[in-house]
Amino acid sequence: MKSKKNLTRFTYETTAFQGWRLNISRGGVSFTRYFSDKQCGGERGALKAAEAKLAELKAFLDPAPRKDGKLTKTAEAGARKVLGAG
């Protein structure tokens, strides 16, 4: 499978990790989370989990409060909570 916007596929045989990396930047802050094939039941399961978390994070971040173009500390903390280990 090919990478998509905000989602990158890792399939290198020489690494211990194979799965998808979610990375999104908003208001001067980057948010990253990895979705392992092993933990999500395979490549498609990991992609599905990453896409769901990306949609949830975008829904939180896009209307989030900003000050001088940057996310507020409260909004940043809330986004990190949304991104969490769920």
PDB file of N, CA and C in Angstrom:
ATOM      1  N   MET A   1       0.841  -1.183   0.000  1.00  0.00           N
ATOM      2  CA  MET A   1       0.000   0.000   0.000  1.00  0.00           C
ATOM      3  C   MET A   1       0.886   1.246   0.000  1.00  0.00           C
ATOM      4  N   LYS A   2       0.398   2.281  -0.645  1.00  0.00           N
ATOM      5  CA  LYS A   2       1.150   3.516  -0.738  1.00  0.00           C
ATOM      6  C   LYS A   2       0.795   4.448   0.422  1.00  0.00           C
ATOM      7  N   SER A   3       1.739   5.338   0.707  1.00  0.00           N
ATOM      8  CA  SER A   3       1.511   6.344   1.734  1.00  0.00           C
ATOM      9  C   SER A   3       0.422   7.305   1.283  1.00  0.00           C
ATOM     10  N   LYS A   4      -0.216   7.938   2.251  1.00  0.00           N
ATOM     11  CA  LYS A   4      -1.276   8.905   2.000  1.00  0.00           C
ATOM     12  C   LYS A   4      -0.936  10.181   2.747  1.00  0.00           C
ATOM     13  N   LYS A   5      -1.671  11.248   2.485  1.00  0.00           N
ATOM     14  CA  LYS A   5      -1.407  12.495   3.173  1.00  0.00           C
ATOM     15  C   LYS A   5      -1.536  12.285   4.680  1.00  0.00           C
ATOM     16  N   ASN A   6      -0.518  12.665   5.424  1.00  0.00           N
ATOM     17  CA  ASN A   6      -0.426  12.547   6.876  1.00  0.00           C
ATOM     18  C   ASN A   6      -0.217  11.116   7.360  1.00  0.00           C
ATOM     19  N   LEU A   7      -0.150  10.144   6.462  1.00  0.00           N
ATOM     20  CA  LEU A   7       0.082   8.746   6.834  1.00  0.00           C
ATOM     21  C   LEU A   7       1.212   8.177   5.980  1.00  0.00           C
ATOM     22  N   THR A   8       2.223   7.622   6.624  1.00  0.00           N
ATOM     23  CA  THR A   8       3.372   7.069   5.922  1.00  0.00           C
ATOM     24  C   THR A   8       3.501   5.595   6.260  1.00  0.00           C
ATOM     25  N   ARG A   9       3.721   4.780   5.251  1.00  0.00           N
ATOM     26  CA  ARG A   9       3.865   3.341   5.438  1.00  0.00           C
ATOM     27  C   ARG A   9       5.324   2.978   5.685  1.00  0.00           C
ATOM     28  N   PHE A  10       5.584   2.188   6.728  1.00  0.00           N
ATOM     29  CA  PHE A  10       6.911   1.669   7.022  1.00  0.00           C
ATOM     30  C   PHE A  10       6.884   0.166   6.790  1.00  0.00           C
ATOM     31  N   THR A  11       7.660  -0.312   5.808  1.00  0.00           N
ATOM     32  CA  THR A  11       7.694  -1.753   5.515  1.00  0.00           C
ATOM     33  C   THR A  11       9.116  -2.258   5.333  1.00  0.00           C
ATOM     34  N   TYR A  12      10.066  -1.592   5.928  1.00  0.00           N
ATOM     35  CA  TYR A  12      11.460  -1.982   5.760  1.00  0.00           C
ATOM     36  C   TYR A  12      11.733  -3.309   6.462  1.00  0.00           C
ATOM     37  N   GLU A  13      12.364  -4.214   5.770  1.00  0.00           N
ATOM     38  CA  GLU A  13      12.652  -5.532   6.334  1.00  0.00           C
ATOM     39  C   GLU A  13      13.707  -5.468   7.431  1.00  0.00           C
ATOM     40  N   THR A  14      14.513  -4.410   7.440  1.00  0.00           N
ATOM     41  CA  THR A  14      15.606  -4.318   8.410  1.00  0.00           C
ATOM     42  C   THR A  14      15.195  -3.642   9.718  1.00  0.00           C
ATOM     43  N   THR A  15      13.952  -3.204   9.834  1.00  0.00           N
ATOM     44  CA  THR A  15      13.519  -2.549  11.065  1.00  0.00           C
ATOM     45  C   THR A  15      12.596  -3.459  11.862  1.00  0.00           C
ATOM     46  N   ALA A  16      12.518  -3.192  13.131  1.00  0.00           N
ATOM     47  CA  ALA A  16      11.640  -3.974  13.998  1.00  0.00           C
ATOM     48  C   ALA A  16      10.183  -3.538  13.844  1.00  0.00           C
ATOM     49  N   PHE A  17       9.957  -2.318  13.310  1.00  0.00           N
ATOM     50  CA  PHE A  17       8.600  -1.787  13.193  1.00  0.00           C
ATOM     51  C   PHE A  17       8.111  -1.873  11.756  1.00  0.00           C
ATOM     52  N   GLN A  18       6.909  -2.401  11.598  1.00  0.00           N
ATOM     53  CA  GLN A  18       6.229  -2.361  10.312  1.00  0.00           C
ATOM     54  C   GLN A  18       4.808  -1.916  10.584  1.00  0.00           C
ATOM     55  N   GLY A  19       4.403  -0.865   9.901  1.00  0.00           N
ATOM     56  CA  GLY A  19       3.069  -0.329  10.109  1.00  0.00           C
ATOM     57  C   GLY A  19       2.941   1.059   9.514  1.00  0.00           C
ATOM     58  N   TRP A  20       2.065   1.860  10.097  1.00  0.00           N
ATOM     59  CA  TRP A  20       1.772   3.206   9.607  1.00  0.00           C
ATOM     60  C   TRP A  20       2.142   4.244  10.646  1.00  0.00           C
ATOM     61  N   ARG A  21       2.656   5.372  10.161  1.00  0.00           N
ATOM     62  CA  ARG A  21       2.972   6.508  11.032  1.00  0.00           C
ATOM     63  C   ARG A  21       2.046   7.655  10.672  1.00  0.00           C
ATOM     64  N   LEU A  22       1.308   8.141  11.652  1.00  0.00           N
ATOM     65  CA  LEU A  22       0.454   9.314  11.488  1.00  0.00           C
ATOM     66  C   LEU A  22       1.280  10.517  11.921  1.00  0.00           C
ATOM     67  N   ASN A  23       1.329  11.538  11.086  1.00  0.00           N
ATOM     68  CA  ASN A  23       2.034  12.765  11.444  1.00  0.00           C
ATOM     69  C   ASN A  23       1.249  13.941  10.878  1.00  0.00           C
ATOM     70  N   ILE A  24       0.848  14.851  11.743  1.00  0.00           N
ATOM     71  CA  ILE A  24       0.070  16.015  11.327  1.00  0.00           C
ATOM     72  C   ILE A  24       0.573  17.231  12.100  1.00  0.00           C
ATOM     73  N   SER A  25       0.640  18.359  11.416  1.00  0.00           N
ATOM     74  CA  SER A  25       1.073  19.611  12.049  1.00  0.00           C
ATOM     75  C   SER A  25      -0.059  20.611  11.980  1.00  0.00           C
ATOM     76  N   ARG A  26      -0.307  21.260  13.091  1.00  0.00           N
ATOM     77  CA  ARG A  26      -1.303  22.322  13.169  1.00  0.00           C
ATOM     78  C   ARG A  26      -0.814  23.367  14.163  1.00  0.00           C
ATOM     79  N   GLY A  27      -0.957  24.617  13.811  1.00  0.00           N
ATOM     80  CA  GLY A  27      -0.629  25.701  14.726  1.00  0.00           C
ATOM     81  C   GLY A  27       0.787  25.655  15.266  1.00  0.00           C
ATOM     82  N   GLY A  28       1.750  25.217  14.435  1.00  0.00           N
ATOM     83  CA  GLY A  28       3.144  25.182  14.855  1.00  0.00           C
ATOM     84  C   GLY A  28       3.544  23.981  15.690  1.00  0.00           C
ATOM     85  N   VAL A  29       2.679  22.995  15.809  1.00  0.00           N
ATOM     86  CA  VAL A  29       2.968  21.804  16.622  1.00  0.00           C
ATOM     87  C   VAL A  29       2.750  20.560  15.768  1.00  0.00           C
ATOM     88  N   SER A  30       3.677  19.609  15.854  1.00  0.00           N
ATOM     89  CA  SER A  30       3.531  18.338  15.144  1.00  0.00           C
ATOM     90  C   SER A  30       3.067  17.257  16.107  1.00  0.00           C
ATOM     91  N   PHE A  31       2.181  16.404  15.620  1.00  0.00           N
ATOM     92  CA  PHE A  31       1.657  15.287  16.399  1.00  0.00           C
ATOM     93  C   PHE A  31       1.951  14.006  15.623  1.00  0.00           C
ATOM     94  N   THR A  32       2.536  13.015  16.293  1.00  0.00           N
ATOM     95  CA  THR A  32       2.940  11.768  15.640  1.00  0.00           C
ATOM     96  C   THR A  32       2.490  10.577  16.477  1.00  0.00           C
ATOM     97  N   ARG A  33       2.059   9.536  15.775  1.00  0.00           N
ATOM     98  CA  ARG A  33       1.729   8.276  16.446  1.00  0.00           C
ATOM     99  C   ARG A  33       1.950   7.144  15.457  1.00  0.00           C
ATOM    100  N   TYR A  34       2.404   6.010  15.958  1.00  0.00           N
ATOM    101  CA  TYR A  34       2.668   4.840  15.133  1.00  0.00           C
ATOM    102  C   TYR A  34       1.588   3.790  15.358  1.00  0.00           C
ATOM    103  N   PHE A  35       1.226   3.095  14.279  1.00  0.00           N
ATOM    104  CA  PHE A  35       0.238   2.033  14.324  1.00  0.00           C
ATOM    105  C   PHE A  35       0.874   0.776  13.747  1.00  0.00           C
ATOM    106  N   SER A  36       1.171  -0.169  14.610  1.00  0.00           N
ATOM    107  CA  SER A  36       1.878  -1.387  14.256  1.00  0.00           C
ATOM    108  C   SER A  36       0.955  -2.413  13.602  1.00  0.00           C
ATOM    109  N   ASP A  37       1.477  -3.075  12.563  1.00  0.00           N
ATOM    110  CA  ASP A  37       0.732  -4.162  11.923  1.00  0.00           C
ATOM    111  C   ASP A  37       0.431  -5.261  12.939  1.00  0.00           C
ATOM    112  N   LYS A  38       1.403  -5.593  13.777  1.00  0.00           N
ATOM    113  CA  LYS A  38       1.232  -6.665  14.761  1.00  0.00           C
ATOM    114  C   LYS A  38       0.118  -6.353  15.754  1.00  0.00           C
ATOM    115  N   GLN A  39       0.084  -5.122  16.255  1.00  0.00           N
ATOM    116  CA  GLN A  39      -0.893  -4.754  17.278  1.00  0.00           C
ATOM    117  C   GLN A  39      -2.282  -4.501  16.709  1.00  0.00           C
ATOM    118  N   CYS A  40      -2.362  -4.201  15.416  1.00  0.00           N
ATOM    119  CA  CYS A  40      -3.658  -3.851  14.807  1.00  0.00           C
ATOM    120  C   CYS A  40      -4.214  -4.949  13.906  1.00  0.00           C
ATOM    121  N   GLY A  41      -3.609  -6.117  13.922  1.00  0.00           N
ATOM    122  CA  GLY A  41      -4.125  -7.234  13.149  1.00  0.00           C
ATOM    123  C   GLY A  41      -3.773  -7.208  11.670  1.00  0.00           C
ATOM    124  N   GLY A  42      -2.636  -6.641  11.336  1.00  0.00           N
ATOM    125  CA  GLY A  42      -2.181  -6.634   9.954  1.00  0.00           C
ATOM    126  C   GLY A  42      -2.151  -5.237   9.349  1.00  0.00           C
ATOM    127  N   GLU A  43      -1.689  -5.202   8.104  1.00  0.00           N
ATOM    128  CA  GLU A  43      -1.495  -3.930   7.405  1.00  0.00           C
ATOM    129  C   GLU A  43      -2.794  -3.141   7.251  1.00  0.00           C
ATOM    130  N   ARG A  44      -3.851  -3.808   6.857  1.00  0.00           N
ATOM    131  CA  ARG A  44      -5.140  -3.116   6.676  1.00  0.00           C
ATOM    132  C   ARG A  44      -5.722  -2.635   8.007  1.00  0.00           C
ATOM    133  N   GLY A  45      -5.580  -3.436   9.044  1.00  0.00           N
ATOM    134  CA  GLY A  45      -6.065  -3.038  10.363  1.00  0.00           C
ATOM    135  C   GLY A  45      -5.321  -1.820  10.893  1.00  0.00           C
ATOM    136  N   ALA A  46      -4.004  -1.794  10.669  1.00  0.00           N
ATOM    137  CA  ALA A  46      -3.198  -0.656  11.112  1.00  0.00           C
ATOM    138  C   ALA A  46      -3.583   0.604  10.336  1.00  0.00           C
ATOM    139  N   LEU A  47      -3.815   0.462   9.044  1.00  0.00           N
ATOM    140  CA  LEU A  47      -4.231   1.611   8.230  1.00  0.00           C
ATOM    141  C   LEU A  47      -5.592   2.126   8.676  1.00  0.00           C
ATOM    142  N   LYS A  48      -6.503   1.213   8.925  1.00  0.00           N
ATOM    143  CA  LYS A  48      -7.845   1.606   9.360  1.00  0.00           C
ATOM    144  C   LYS A  48      -7.790   2.350  10.698  1.00  0.00           C
ATOM    145  N   ALA A  49      -6.979   1.860  11.626  1.00  0.00           N
ATOM    146  CA  ALA A  49      -6.825   2.512  12.933  1.00  0.00           C
ATOM    147  C   ALA A  49      -6.184   3.890  12.775  1.00  0.00           C
ATOM    148  N   ALA A  50      -5.180   3.990  11.912  1.00  0.00           N
ATOM    149  CA  ALA A  50      -4.499   5.266  11.682  1.00  0.00           C
ATOM    150  C   ALA A  50      -5.439   6.277  11.035  1.00  0.00           C
ATOM    151  N   GLU A  51      -6.235   5.839  10.068  1.00  0.00           N
ATOM    152  CA  GLU A  51      -7.186   6.745   9.409  1.00  0.00           C
ATOM    153  C   GLU A  51      -8.255   7.232  10.386  1.00  0.00           C
ATOM    154  N   ALA A  52      -8.729   6.341  11.243  1.00  0.00           N
ATOM    155  CA  ALA A  52      -9.741   6.723  12.227  1.00  0.00           C
ATOM    156  C   ALA A  52      -9.177   7.744  13.212  1.00  0.00           C
ATOM    157  N   LYS A  53      -7.949   7.515  13.681  1.00  0.00           N
ATOM    158  CA  LYS A  53      -7.329   8.441  14.630  1.00  0.00           C
ATOM    159  C   LYS A  53      -7.027   9.778  13.952  1.00  0.00           C
ATOM    160  N   LEU A  54      -6.630   9.756  12.692  1.00  0.00           N
ATOM    161  CA  LEU A  54      -6.371  10.986  11.944  1.00  0.00           C
ATOM    162  C   LEU A  54      -7.644  11.817  11.818  1.00  0.00           C
ATOM    163  N   ALA A  55      -8.748  11.186  11.498  1.00  0.00           N
ATOM    164  CA  ALA A  55     -10.029  11.893  11.381  1.00  0.00           C
ATOM    165  C   ALA A  55     -10.436  12.491  12.726  1.00  0.00           C
ATOM    166  N   GLU A  56     -10.260  11.730  13.795  1.00  0.00           N
ATOM    167  CA  GLU A  56     -10.597  12.203  15.142  1.00  0.00           C
ATOM    168  C   GLU A  56      -9.715  13.402  15.530  1.00  0.00           C
ATOM    169  N   LEU A  57      -8.432  13.305  15.219  1.00  0.00           N
ATOM    170  CA  LEU A  57      -7.500  14.377  15.555  1.00  0.00           C
ATOM    171  C   LEU A  57      -7.788  15.638  14.745  1.00  0.00           C
ATOM    172  N   LYS A  58      -8.078  15.485  13.455  1.00  0.00           N
ATOM    173  CA  LYS A  58      -8.418  16.643  12.618  1.00  0.00           C
ATOM    174  C   LYS A  58      -9.688  17.322  13.122  1.00  0.00           C
ATOM    175  N   ALA A  59     -10.670  16.546  13.508  1.00  0.00           N
ATOM    176  CA  ALA A  59     -11.924  17.105  14.023  1.00  0.00           C
ATOM    177  C   ALA A  59     -11.675  17.917  15.295  1.00  0.00           C
ATOM    178  N   PHE A  60     -10.694  17.504  16.091  1.00  0.00           N
ATOM    179  CA  PHE A  60     -10.363  18.249  17.303  1.00  0.00           C
ATOM    180  C   PHE A  60      -9.515  19.480  16.987  1.00  0.00           C
ATOM    181  N   LEU A  61      -8.516  19.322  16.113  1.00  0.00           N
ATOM    182  CA  LEU A  61      -7.553  20.390  15.867  1.00  0.00           C
ATOM    183  C   LEU A  61      -8.064  21.532  15.001  1.00  0.00           C
ATOM    184  N   ASP A  62      -8.851  21.235  13.998  1.00  0.00           N
ATOM    185  CA  ASP A  62      -9.235  22.277  13.052  1.00  0.00           C
ATOM    186  C   ASP A  62     -10.011  23.425  13.705  1.00  0.00           C
ATOM    187  N   PRO A  63     -10.950  23.165  14.619  1.00  0.00           N
ATOM    188  CA  PRO A  63     -11.607  24.300  15.277  1.00  0.00           C
ATOM    189  C   PRO A  63     -10.926  24.722  16.599  1.00  0.00           C
ATOM    190  N   ALA A  64      -9.782  24.110  16.921  1.00  0.00           N
ATOM    191  CA  ALA A  64      -9.119  24.377  18.202  1.00  0.00           C
ATOM    192  C   ALA A  64      -8.679  25.839  18.303  1.00  0.00           C
ATOM    193  N   PRO A  65      -8.725  26.399  19.515  1.00  0.00           N
ATOM    194  CA  PRO A  65      -8.344  27.806  19.712  1.00  0.00           C
ATOM    195  C   PRO A  65      -6.858  28.047  19.439  1.00  0.00           C
ATOM    196  N   ARG A  66      -6.597  29.200  18.860  1.00  0.00           N
ATOM    197  CA  ARG A  66      -5.229  29.608  18.562  1.00  0.00           C
ATOM    198  C   ARG A  66      -4.988  31.011  19.101  1.00  0.00           C
ATOM    199  N   LYS A  67      -3.745  31.290  19.402  1.00  0.00           N
ATOM    200  CA  LYS A  67      -3.349  32.626  19.829  1.00  0.00           C
ATOM    201  C   LYS A  67      -2.128  33.005  18.996  1.00  0.00           C
ATOM    202  N   ASP A  68      -2.228  34.076  18.240  1.00  0.00           N
ATOM    203  CA  ASP A  68      -1.158  34.504  17.331  1.00  0.00           C
ATOM    204  C   ASP A  68      -0.788  33.404  16.338  1.00  0.00           C
ATOM    205  N   GLY A  69      -1.772  32.650  15.871  1.00  0.00           N
ATOM    206  CA  GLY A  69      -1.551  31.591  14.887  1.00  0.00           C
ATOM    207  C   GLY A  69      -1.054  30.279  15.453  1.00  0.00           C
ATOM    208  N   LYS A  70      -0.757  30.222  16.732  1.00  0.00           N
ATOM    209  CA  LYS A  70      -0.266  28.998  17.369  1.00  0.00           C
ATOM    210  C   LYS A  70      -1.368  28.384  18.221  1.00  0.00           C
ATOM    211  N   LEU A  71      -1.335  27.065  18.352  1.00  0.00           N
ATOM    212  CA  LEU A  71      -2.286  26.394  19.238  1.00  0.00           C
ATOM    213  C   LEU A  71      -2.048  26.848  20.671  1.00  0.00           C
ATOM    214  N   THR A  72      -3.114  27.003  21.422  1.00  0.00           N
ATOM    215  CA  THR A  72      -2.956  27.311  22.839  1.00  0.00           C
ATOM    216  C   THR A  72      -2.426  26.061  23.542  1.00  0.00           C
ATOM    217  N   LYS A  73      -1.839  26.236  24.708  1.00  0.00           N
ATOM    218  CA  LYS A  73      -1.305  25.089  25.464  1.00  0.00           C
ATOM    219  C   LYS A  73      -2.412  24.101  25.811  1.00  0.00           C
ATOM    220  N   THR A  74      -3.589  24.618  26.110  1.00  0.00           N
ATOM    221  CA  THR A  74      -4.730  23.754  26.439  1.00  0.00           C
ATOM    222  C   THR A  74      -5.141  22.938  25.225  1.00  0.00           C
ATOM    223  N   ALA A  75      -5.187  23.569  24.042  1.00  0.00           N
ATOM    224  CA  ALA A  75      -5.553  22.862  22.816  1.00  0.00           C
ATOM    225  C   ALA A  75      -4.505  21.810  22.474  1.00  0.00           C
ATOM    226  N   GLU A  76      -3.231  22.149  22.655  1.00  0.00           N
ATOM    227  CA  GLU A  76      -2.158  21.193  22.386  1.00  0.00           C
ATOM    228  C   GLU A  76      -2.266  19.985  23.304  1.00  0.00           C
ATOM    229  N   ALA A  77      -2.513  20.227  24.580  1.00  0.00           N
ATOM    230  CA  ALA A  77      -2.659  19.132  25.544  1.00  0.00           C
ATOM    231  C   ALA A  77      -3.875  18.276  25.200  1.00  0.00           C
ATOM    232  N   GLY A  78      -4.973  18.901  24.790  1.00  0.00           N
ATOM    233  CA  GLY A  78      -6.167  18.161  24.398  1.00  0.00           C
ATOM    234  C   GLY A  78      -5.920  17.288  23.184  1.00  0.00           C
ATOM    235  N   ALA A  79      -5.173  17.819  22.215  1.00  0.00           N
ATOM    236  CA  ALA A  79      -4.854  17.040  21.014  1.00  0.00           C
ATOM    237  C   ALA A  79      -3.979  15.848  21.358  1.00  0.00           C
ATOM    238  N   ARG A  80      -3.026  16.042  22.252  1.00  0.00           N
ATOM    239  CA  ARG A  80      -2.166  14.924  22.665  1.00  0.00           C
ATOM    240  C   ARG A  80      -2.988  13.851  23.393  1.00  0.00           C
ATOM    241  N   LYS A  81      -4.001  14.286  24.120  1.00  0.00           N
ATOM    242  CA  LYS A  81      -4.885  13.330  24.804  1.00  0.00           C
ATOM    243  C   LYS A  81      -5.700  12.538  23.778  1.00  0.00           C
ATOM    244  N   VAL A  82      -6.214  13.240  22.746  1.00  0.00           N
ATOM    245  CA  VAL A  82      -6.953  12.566  21.677  1.00  0.00           C
ATOM    246  C   VAL A  82      -6.052  11.560  20.969  1.00  0.00           C
ATOM    247  N   LEU A  83      -4.805  11.960  20.716  1.00  0.00           N
ATOM    248  CA  LEU A  83      -3.863  11.098  20.020  1.00  0.00           C
ATOM    249  C   LEU A  83      -3.479   9.886  20.865  1.00  0.00           C
ATOM    250  N   GLY A  84      -3.467  10.047  22.167  1.00  0.00           N
ATOM    251  CA  GLY A  84      -3.159   9.020  23.170  1.00  0.00           C
ATOM    252  C   GLY A  84      -2.983   7.585  22.689  1.00  0.00           C
ATOM    253  N   ALA A  85      -3.078   6.673  23.543  1.00  0.00           N
ATOM    254  CA  ALA A  85      -2.811   5.266  23.227  1.00  0.00           C
ATOM    255  C   ALA A  85      -4.083   4.494  22.907  1.00  0.00           C
ATOM    256  N   GLY A  86      -5.126   5.158  22.448  1.00  0.00           N
ATOM    257  CA  GLY A  86      -6.386   4.477  22.162  1.00  0.00           C
ATOM    258  C   GLY A  86      -6.425   3.925  20.866  1.00  0.00           C
TER     259      GLY A  86
END
